[in-house]
Amino acid sequence: MPLVLTGLLLALAALGTTGAVVASKNRAPAPQTQPGADKKYAALPMMTFGLGGGGARMVDVKVLLEIDPSVDGKVADPYVPRISDQLSDRMRQIDPEQLTGADGAMLMKSTIAGVLDRELRGVRVKDILLDRMVVR
C-alpha cells in the first residue's frame, strides 16, 4: 500500500508540473518584453542636394533617426538647417554613380552619420534609416 500511494503522489506531481509548463507557454508576453516596442524615431524633413561629378544630378533624401526612447522626438528640429548645410557640402563630393545599389545606400548612411555625429553631439542616434532616397 505505501508503494501505491508513493506512485500516485509522484504521478500527481508530474501532472502538476506539466500543467504549469503548458500554462506558462500559452501566456501572452508582457508588452515591455516585445521586441521593437521601445523604439522612437526623429524624422528629418525631405532634403534635396546637388551631387558632384560635373552634371546637374540631384538626390532627394528623407531620413528617420532611431533615438533613445527617453529623448523627445523633435530633438533634431533646431539642428536641421545646420545638418542640411553640412550634408549639402558632403553631397557635392559624391559622384552620382557612387549612389547606385546597396553600396550607395551605405555611403549615404555613413555620410549622414558623419554629419550627425558632429551636429547632434548630445543625442545618441542608434540607427539611421533612409525613408526615401531618389537620385535624379
N, C-alpha and C. Protein backbone atom coordinates (compact mmCIF):
# COMPACT_ATOMS: atom_id res chain seq x y z
N MET A 1 0.81 -1.20 0.00
CA MET A 1 0.00 0.00 0.00
C MET A 1 0.86 1.28 0.00
N PRO A 2 1.96 1.40 0.79
CA PRO A 2 2.77 2.61 0.74
C PRO A 2 3.39 2.83 -0.64
N LEU A 3 3.71 1.77 -1.37
CA LEU A 3 4.26 1.94 -2.71
C LEU A 3 3.23 2.51 -3.67
N VAL A 4 2.00 2.09 -3.55
CA VAL A 4 0.94 2.60 -4.42
C VAL A 4 0.71 4.09 -4.14
N LEU A 5 0.68 4.46 -2.87
CA LEU A 5 0.49 5.86 -2.51
C LEU A 5 1.66 6.73 -3.01
N THR A 6 2.88 6.27 -2.90
CA THR A 6 4.05 7.00 -3.37
C THR A 6 3.98 7.17 -4.88
N GLY A 7 3.60 6.13 -5.60
CA GLY A 7 3.46 6.21 -7.05
C GLY A 7 2.39 7.19 -7.47
N LEU A 8 1.26 7.16 -6.73
CA LEU A 8 0.16 8.07 -7.03
C LEU A 8 0.59 9.52 -6.78
N LEU A 9 1.28 9.80 -5.70
CA LEU A 9 1.77 11.15 -5.43
C LEU A 9 2.77 11.63 -6.47
N LEU A 10 3.65 10.76 -6.92
CA LEU A 10 4.61 11.12 -7.97
C LEU A 10 3.89 11.43 -9.28
N ALA A 11 2.87 10.66 -9.62
CA ALA A 11 2.10 10.89 -10.84
C ALA A 11 1.39 12.24 -10.78
N LEU A 12 0.78 12.57 -9.61
CA LEU A 12 0.11 13.86 -9.45
C LEU A 12 1.11 15.03 -9.53
N ALA A 13 2.29 14.86 -8.98
CA ALA A 13 3.31 15.90 -9.05
C ALA A 13 3.75 16.12 -10.49
N ALA A 14 3.92 15.06 -11.26
CA ALA A 14 4.31 15.17 -12.67
C ALA A 14 3.22 15.87 -13.47
N LEU A 15 1.96 15.56 -13.22
CA LEU A 15 0.85 16.22 -13.92
C LEU A 15 0.79 17.71 -13.57
N GLY A 16 1.02 18.05 -12.32
CA GLY A 16 1.01 19.45 -11.91
C GLY A 16 2.12 20.24 -12.56
N THR A 17 3.31 19.66 -12.63
CA THR A 17 4.44 20.33 -13.26
C THR A 17 4.19 20.53 -14.75
N THR A 18 3.66 19.50 -15.41
CA THR A 18 3.34 19.60 -16.84
C THR A 18 2.30 20.69 -17.08
N GLY A 19 1.29 20.75 -16.25
CA GLY A 19 0.25 21.77 -16.39
C GLY A 19 0.80 23.17 -16.23
N ALA A 20 1.72 23.35 -15.28
CA ALA A 20 2.32 24.67 -15.07
C ALA A 20 3.17 25.10 -16.26
N VAL A 21 3.92 24.16 -16.84
CA VAL A 21 4.75 24.48 -18.00
C VAL A 21 3.88 24.84 -19.19
N VAL A 22 2.82 24.08 -19.45
CA VAL A 22 1.92 24.36 -20.57
C VAL A 22 1.23 25.71 -20.38
N ALA A 23 0.81 26.00 -19.17
CA ALA A 23 0.12 27.26 -18.90
C ALA A 23 1.06 28.45 -19.09
N SER A 24 2.33 28.32 -18.70
CA SER A 24 3.26 29.44 -18.87
C SER A 24 3.61 29.67 -20.34
N LYS A 25 3.60 28.63 -21.15
CA LYS A 25 3.89 28.80 -22.58
C LYS A 25 2.73 29.45 -23.32
N ASN A 26 1.52 29.26 -22.88
CA ASN A 26 0.35 29.82 -23.54
C ASN A 26 0.06 31.25 -23.14
N ARG A 27 0.77 31.76 -22.15
CA ARG A 27 0.58 33.11 -21.68
C ARG A 27 1.15 34.11 -22.68
N ALA A 28 0.47 35.22 -22.92
CA ALA A 28 0.97 36.27 -23.82
C ALA A 28 2.12 37.00 -23.15
N PRO A 29 3.15 37.37 -23.92
CA PRO A 29 4.26 38.10 -23.31
C PRO A 29 3.83 39.48 -22.87
N ALA A 30 4.48 40.00 -21.88
CA ALA A 30 4.19 41.35 -21.38
C ALA A 30 4.57 42.37 -22.45
N PRO A 31 3.86 43.49 -22.55
CA PRO A 31 4.13 44.48 -23.61
C PRO A 31 5.57 45.00 -23.61
N GLN A 32 6.21 45.15 -22.47
CA GLN A 32 7.55 45.70 -22.44
C GLN A 32 8.59 44.70 -22.92
N THR A 33 8.25 43.39 -23.04
CA THR A 33 9.22 42.42 -23.49
C THR A 33 9.14 42.17 -24.99
N GLN A 34 8.17 42.76 -25.67
CA GLN A 34 8.06 42.57 -27.10
C GLN A 34 9.15 43.35 -27.81
N PRO A 35 9.85 42.71 -28.78
CA PRO A 35 10.91 43.44 -29.48
C PRO A 35 10.34 44.57 -30.31
N GLY A 36 11.05 45.68 -30.34
CA GLY A 36 10.64 46.81 -31.17
C GLY A 36 9.64 47.74 -30.50
N ALA A 37 9.16 47.38 -29.31
CA ALA A 37 8.15 48.20 -28.66
C ALA A 37 8.74 49.50 -28.11
N ASP A 38 10.03 49.54 -27.86
CA ASP A 38 10.63 50.71 -27.25
C ASP A 38 11.43 51.56 -28.22
N LYS A 39 11.11 51.51 -29.50
CA LYS A 39 11.83 52.30 -30.49
C LYS A 39 11.15 53.65 -30.68
N LYS A 40 11.97 54.68 -30.84
CA LYS A 40 11.46 56.02 -31.07
C LYS A 40 12.25 56.64 -32.21
N TYR A 41 11.55 57.36 -33.08
CA TYR A 41 12.19 57.93 -34.26
C TYR A 41 12.03 59.44 -34.31
N ALA A 42 13.06 60.09 -34.81
CA ALA A 42 13.02 61.52 -35.12
C ALA A 42 13.13 61.64 -36.64
N ALA A 43 12.19 62.32 -37.24
CA ALA A 43 12.17 62.44 -38.70
C ALA A 43 12.80 63.76 -39.12
N LEU A 44 13.71 63.67 -40.06
CA LEU A 44 14.26 64.86 -40.69
C LEU A 44 13.40 65.16 -41.91
N PRO A 45 13.23 66.42 -42.29
CA PRO A 45 12.40 66.73 -43.46
C PRO A 45 13.07 66.26 -44.75
N MET A 46 12.28 66.23 -45.82
CA MET A 46 12.81 65.89 -47.15
C MET A 46 13.84 66.94 -47.51
N MET A 47 15.02 66.48 -47.92
CA MET A 47 16.11 67.39 -48.30
C MET A 47 16.56 67.04 -49.72
N THR A 48 16.90 68.06 -50.49
CA THR A 48 17.38 67.89 -51.86
C THR A 48 18.78 68.49 -51.96
N PHE A 49 19.70 67.70 -52.53
CA PHE A 49 21.10 68.12 -52.65
C PHE A 49 21.58 67.93 -54.07
N GLY A 50 22.50 68.82 -54.47
CA GLY A 50 23.19 68.67 -55.74
C GLY A 50 24.38 67.75 -55.55
N LEU A 51 24.61 66.87 -56.54
CA LEU A 51 25.73 65.93 -56.45
C LEU A 51 26.91 66.44 -57.26
N GLY A 52 28.10 65.95 -56.96
CA GLY A 52 29.30 66.32 -57.69
C GLY A 52 29.38 65.56 -59.00
N GLY A 53 30.50 65.67 -59.65
CA GLY A 53 30.71 64.95 -60.90
C GLY A 53 30.45 65.78 -62.14
N GLY A 54 30.19 67.05 -62.01
CA GLY A 54 30.05 67.92 -63.17
C GLY A 54 28.66 67.96 -63.77
N GLY A 55 27.80 67.01 -63.50
CA GLY A 55 26.45 67.02 -64.06
C GLY A 55 25.49 67.79 -63.16
N ALA A 56 24.26 67.87 -63.62
CA ALA A 56 23.24 68.57 -62.84
C ALA A 56 22.37 67.54 -62.10
N ARG A 57 22.98 66.51 -61.57
CA ARG A 57 22.24 65.45 -60.87
C ARG A 57 21.93 65.90 -59.46
N MET A 58 20.76 65.46 -58.97
CA MET A 58 20.29 65.80 -57.64
C MET A 58 19.90 64.52 -56.91
N VAL A 59 19.85 64.60 -55.58
CA VAL A 59 19.37 63.48 -54.77
C VAL A 59 18.38 64.04 -53.74
N ASP A 60 17.21 63.37 -53.65
CA ASP A 60 16.21 63.70 -52.64
C ASP A 60 16.33 62.65 -51.54
N VAL A 61 16.41 63.10 -50.29
CA VAL A 61 16.61 62.19 -49.16
C VAL A 61 15.64 62.54 -48.04
N LYS A 62 14.99 61.51 -47.50
CA LYS A 62 14.18 61.64 -46.28
C LYS A 62 14.73 60.62 -45.30
N VAL A 63 15.09 61.09 -44.10
CA VAL A 63 15.80 60.26 -43.13
C VAL A 63 15.01 60.15 -41.83
N LEU A 64 15.00 58.94 -41.26
CA LEU A 64 14.47 58.71 -39.92
C LEU A 64 15.64 58.32 -39.03
N LEU A 65 15.70 58.91 -37.86
CA LEU A 65 16.76 58.61 -36.90
C LEU A 65 16.15 57.84 -35.74
N GLU A 66 16.67 56.64 -35.48
CA GLU A 66 16.24 55.90 -34.30
C GLU A 66 17.02 56.45 -33.11
N ILE A 67 16.27 57.00 -32.15
CA ILE A 67 16.90 57.63 -31.00
C ILE A 67 16.48 56.93 -29.71
N ASP A 68 17.10 57.32 -28.62
CA ASP A 68 16.79 56.77 -27.31
C ASP A 68 15.33 57.08 -26.97
N PRO A 69 14.57 56.11 -26.45
CA PRO A 69 13.15 56.34 -26.15
C PRO A 69 12.90 57.45 -25.12
N SER A 70 13.88 57.78 -24.32
CA SER A 70 13.68 58.83 -23.31
C SER A 70 13.86 60.24 -23.89
N VAL A 71 14.33 60.35 -25.13
CA VAL A 71 14.58 61.65 -25.76
C VAL A 71 13.36 62.09 -26.55
N ASP A 72 13.09 63.39 -26.58
CA ASP A 72 11.98 63.94 -27.34
C ASP A 72 12.18 63.68 -28.84
N GLY A 73 11.11 63.33 -29.54
CA GLY A 73 11.19 63.01 -30.97
C GLY A 73 11.54 64.20 -31.85
N LYS A 74 11.40 65.40 -31.33
CA LYS A 74 11.71 66.61 -32.10
C LYS A 74 13.06 67.19 -31.72
N VAL A 75 13.93 66.37 -31.17
CA VAL A 75 15.23 66.84 -30.70
C VAL A 75 16.10 67.37 -31.83
N ALA A 76 15.94 66.87 -33.04
CA ALA A 76 16.78 67.27 -34.16
C ALA A 76 16.28 68.52 -34.87
N ASP A 77 15.04 68.95 -34.60
CA ASP A 77 14.45 70.08 -35.32
C ASP A 77 15.30 71.35 -35.29
N PRO A 78 15.84 71.77 -34.15
CA PRO A 78 16.64 73.00 -34.16
C PRO A 78 17.93 72.88 -34.97
N TYR A 79 18.38 71.66 -35.21
CA TYR A 79 19.65 71.44 -35.91
C TYR A 79 19.48 71.18 -37.40
N VAL A 80 18.24 71.11 -37.90
CA VAL A 80 18.00 70.77 -39.30
C VAL A 80 18.72 71.70 -40.27
N PRO A 81 18.70 73.03 -40.09
CA PRO A 81 19.43 73.88 -41.04
C PRO A 81 20.93 73.57 -41.09
N ARG A 82 21.54 73.32 -39.94
CA ARG A 82 22.98 73.01 -39.93
C ARG A 82 23.25 71.63 -40.54
N ILE A 83 22.38 70.66 -40.23
CA ILE A 83 22.54 69.32 -40.81
C ILE A 83 22.42 69.39 -42.32
N SER A 84 21.42 70.12 -42.80
CA SER A 84 21.20 70.27 -44.24
C SER A 84 22.39 70.96 -44.91
N ASP A 85 22.92 71.98 -44.28
CA ASP A 85 24.06 72.70 -44.84
C ASP A 85 25.30 71.79 -44.92
N GLN A 86 25.58 71.07 -43.86
CA GLN A 86 26.74 70.17 -43.85
C GLN A 86 26.57 69.04 -44.86
N LEU A 87 25.35 68.48 -44.95
CA LEU A 87 25.11 67.41 -45.93
C LEU A 87 25.25 67.93 -47.36
N SER A 88 24.83 69.16 -47.59
CA SER A 88 24.97 69.74 -48.92
C SER A 88 26.44 69.80 -49.34
N ASP A 89 27.29 70.21 -48.42
CA ASP A 89 28.73 70.24 -48.71
C ASP A 89 29.27 68.84 -49.00
N ARG A 90 28.85 67.87 -48.21
CA ARG A 90 29.35 66.50 -48.39
C ARG A 90 28.82 65.86 -49.68
N MET A 91 27.57 66.18 -50.05
CA MET A 91 26.97 65.58 -51.25
C MET A 91 27.66 66.08 -52.53
N ARG A 92 28.20 67.29 -52.50
CA ARG A 92 28.93 67.80 -53.67
C ARG A 92 30.20 67.02 -53.93
N GLN A 93 30.67 66.26 -52.95
CA GLN A 93 31.88 65.46 -53.11
C GLN A 93 31.58 64.04 -53.61
N ILE A 94 30.30 63.70 -53.73
CA ILE A 94 29.90 62.35 -54.14
C ILE A 94 29.49 62.34 -55.60
N ASP A 95 30.02 61.40 -56.34
CA ASP A 95 29.66 61.22 -57.74
C ASP A 95 28.32 60.45 -57.80
N PRO A 96 27.41 60.79 -58.72
CA PRO A 96 26.11 60.11 -58.78
C PRO A 96 26.22 58.59 -58.95
N GLU A 97 27.25 58.11 -59.65
CA GLU A 97 27.40 56.67 -59.85
C GLU A 97 27.72 55.94 -58.55
N GLN A 98 28.23 56.66 -57.56
CA GLN A 98 28.53 56.05 -56.27
C GLN A 98 27.28 55.71 -55.48
N LEU A 99 26.15 56.27 -55.86
CA LEU A 99 24.91 56.06 -55.11
C LEU A 99 24.04 54.96 -55.68
N THR A 100 24.59 54.10 -56.51
CA THR A 100 23.80 53.00 -57.07
C THR A 100 23.91 51.76 -56.19
N GLY A 101 22.82 51.04 -56.07
CA GLY A 101 22.82 49.78 -55.34
C GLY A 101 22.93 49.93 -53.83
N ALA A 102 23.21 48.80 -53.19
CA ALA A 102 23.32 48.76 -51.73
C ALA A 102 24.51 49.57 -51.23
N ASP A 103 25.58 49.60 -52.02
CA ASP A 103 26.75 50.38 -51.61
C ASP A 103 26.42 51.88 -51.56
N GLY A 104 25.53 52.32 -52.44
CA GLY A 104 25.11 53.72 -52.44
C GLY A 104 24.35 54.08 -51.18
N ALA A 105 23.47 53.18 -50.75
CA ALA A 105 22.72 53.41 -49.52
C ALA A 105 23.67 53.44 -48.31
N MET A 106 24.65 52.55 -48.31
CA MET A 106 25.62 52.52 -47.21
C MET A 106 26.46 53.80 -47.19
N LEU A 107 26.85 54.29 -48.39
CA LEU A 107 27.61 55.54 -48.48
C LEU A 107 26.78 56.70 -47.96
N MET A 108 25.50 56.73 -48.33
CA MET A 108 24.62 57.80 -47.89
C MET A 108 24.45 57.75 -46.36
N LYS A 109 24.25 56.57 -45.81
CA LYS A 109 24.09 56.44 -44.36
C LYS A 109 25.36 56.85 -43.61
N SER A 110 26.51 56.46 -44.13
CA SER A 110 27.76 56.82 -43.45
C SER A 110 28.01 58.32 -43.55
N THR A 111 27.65 58.93 -44.66
CA THR A 111 27.80 60.38 -44.82
C THR A 111 26.89 61.11 -43.83
N ILE A 112 25.64 60.65 -43.73
CA ILE A 112 24.70 61.26 -42.79
C ILE A 112 25.17 61.05 -41.36
N ALA A 113 25.69 59.86 -41.06
CA ALA A 113 26.18 59.57 -39.71
C ALA A 113 27.33 60.50 -39.32
N GLY A 114 28.22 60.77 -40.29
CA GLY A 114 29.33 61.68 -40.01
C GLY A 114 28.85 63.08 -39.66
N VAL A 115 27.85 63.55 -40.39
CA VAL A 115 27.31 64.89 -40.12
C VAL A 115 26.58 64.90 -38.78
N LEU A 116 25.80 63.85 -38.50
CA LEU A 116 25.03 63.81 -37.26
C LEU A 116 25.95 63.71 -36.04
N ASP A 117 27.03 62.97 -36.17
CA ASP A 117 27.98 62.88 -35.05
C ASP A 117 28.52 64.25 -34.69
N ARG A 118 28.71 65.06 -35.69
CA ARG A 118 29.26 66.40 -35.44
C ARG A 118 28.19 67.37 -34.93
N GLU A 119 27.01 67.32 -35.50
CA GLU A 119 25.97 68.31 -35.19
C GLU A 119 25.10 67.93 -33.99
N LEU A 120 24.85 66.67 -33.78
CA LEU A 120 23.99 66.22 -32.66
C LEU A 120 24.83 65.53 -31.60
N ARG A 121 25.79 66.19 -31.08
CA ARG A 121 26.71 65.58 -30.11
C ARG A 121 26.00 65.06 -28.86
N GLY A 122 24.98 65.73 -28.38
CA GLY A 122 24.33 65.33 -27.14
C GLY A 122 23.26 64.27 -27.30
N VAL A 123 22.97 63.88 -28.53
CA VAL A 123 21.89 62.91 -28.77
C VAL A 123 22.48 61.62 -29.30
N ARG A 124 22.12 60.52 -28.69
CA ARG A 124 22.60 59.21 -29.15
C ARG A 124 21.67 58.70 -30.24
N VAL A 125 22.18 58.60 -31.46
CA VAL A 125 21.42 58.07 -32.59
C VAL A 125 21.78 56.60 -32.72
N LYS A 126 20.78 55.72 -32.52
CA LYS A 126 21.02 54.28 -32.58
C LYS A 126 21.17 53.78 -34.01
N ASP A 127 20.33 54.30 -34.91
CA ASP A 127 20.35 53.84 -36.29
C ASP A 127 19.84 54.94 -37.20
N ILE A 128 20.28 54.90 -38.45
CA ILE A 128 19.84 55.85 -39.46
C ILE A 128 19.09 55.06 -40.52
N LEU A 129 17.85 55.44 -40.76
CA LEU A 129 17.02 54.74 -41.74
C LEU A 129 16.73 55.69 -42.90
N LEU A 130 17.00 55.22 -44.11
CA LEU A 130 16.69 56.01 -45.30
C LEU A 130 15.24 55.73 -45.67
N ASP A 131 14.36 56.67 -45.34
CA ASP A 131 12.95 56.50 -45.65
C ASP A 131 12.71 56.65 -47.14
N ARG A 132 13.46 57.57 -47.76
CA ARG A 132 13.33 57.79 -49.20
C ARG A 132 14.66 58.34 -49.73
N MET A 133 15.11 57.78 -50.85
CA MET A 133 16.32 58.29 -51.50
C MET A 133 16.14 58.13 -53.00
N VAL A 134 16.06 59.27 -53.68
CA VAL A 134 15.85 59.26 -55.13
C VAL A 134 16.95 60.09 -55.78
N VAL A 135 17.70 59.47 -56.68
CA VAL A 135 18.72 60.18 -57.45
C VAL A 135 18.08 60.54 -58.78
N ARG A 136 18.13 61.84 -59.11
CA ARG A 136 17.51 62.27 -60.38
C ARG A 136 18.47 63.15 -61.15
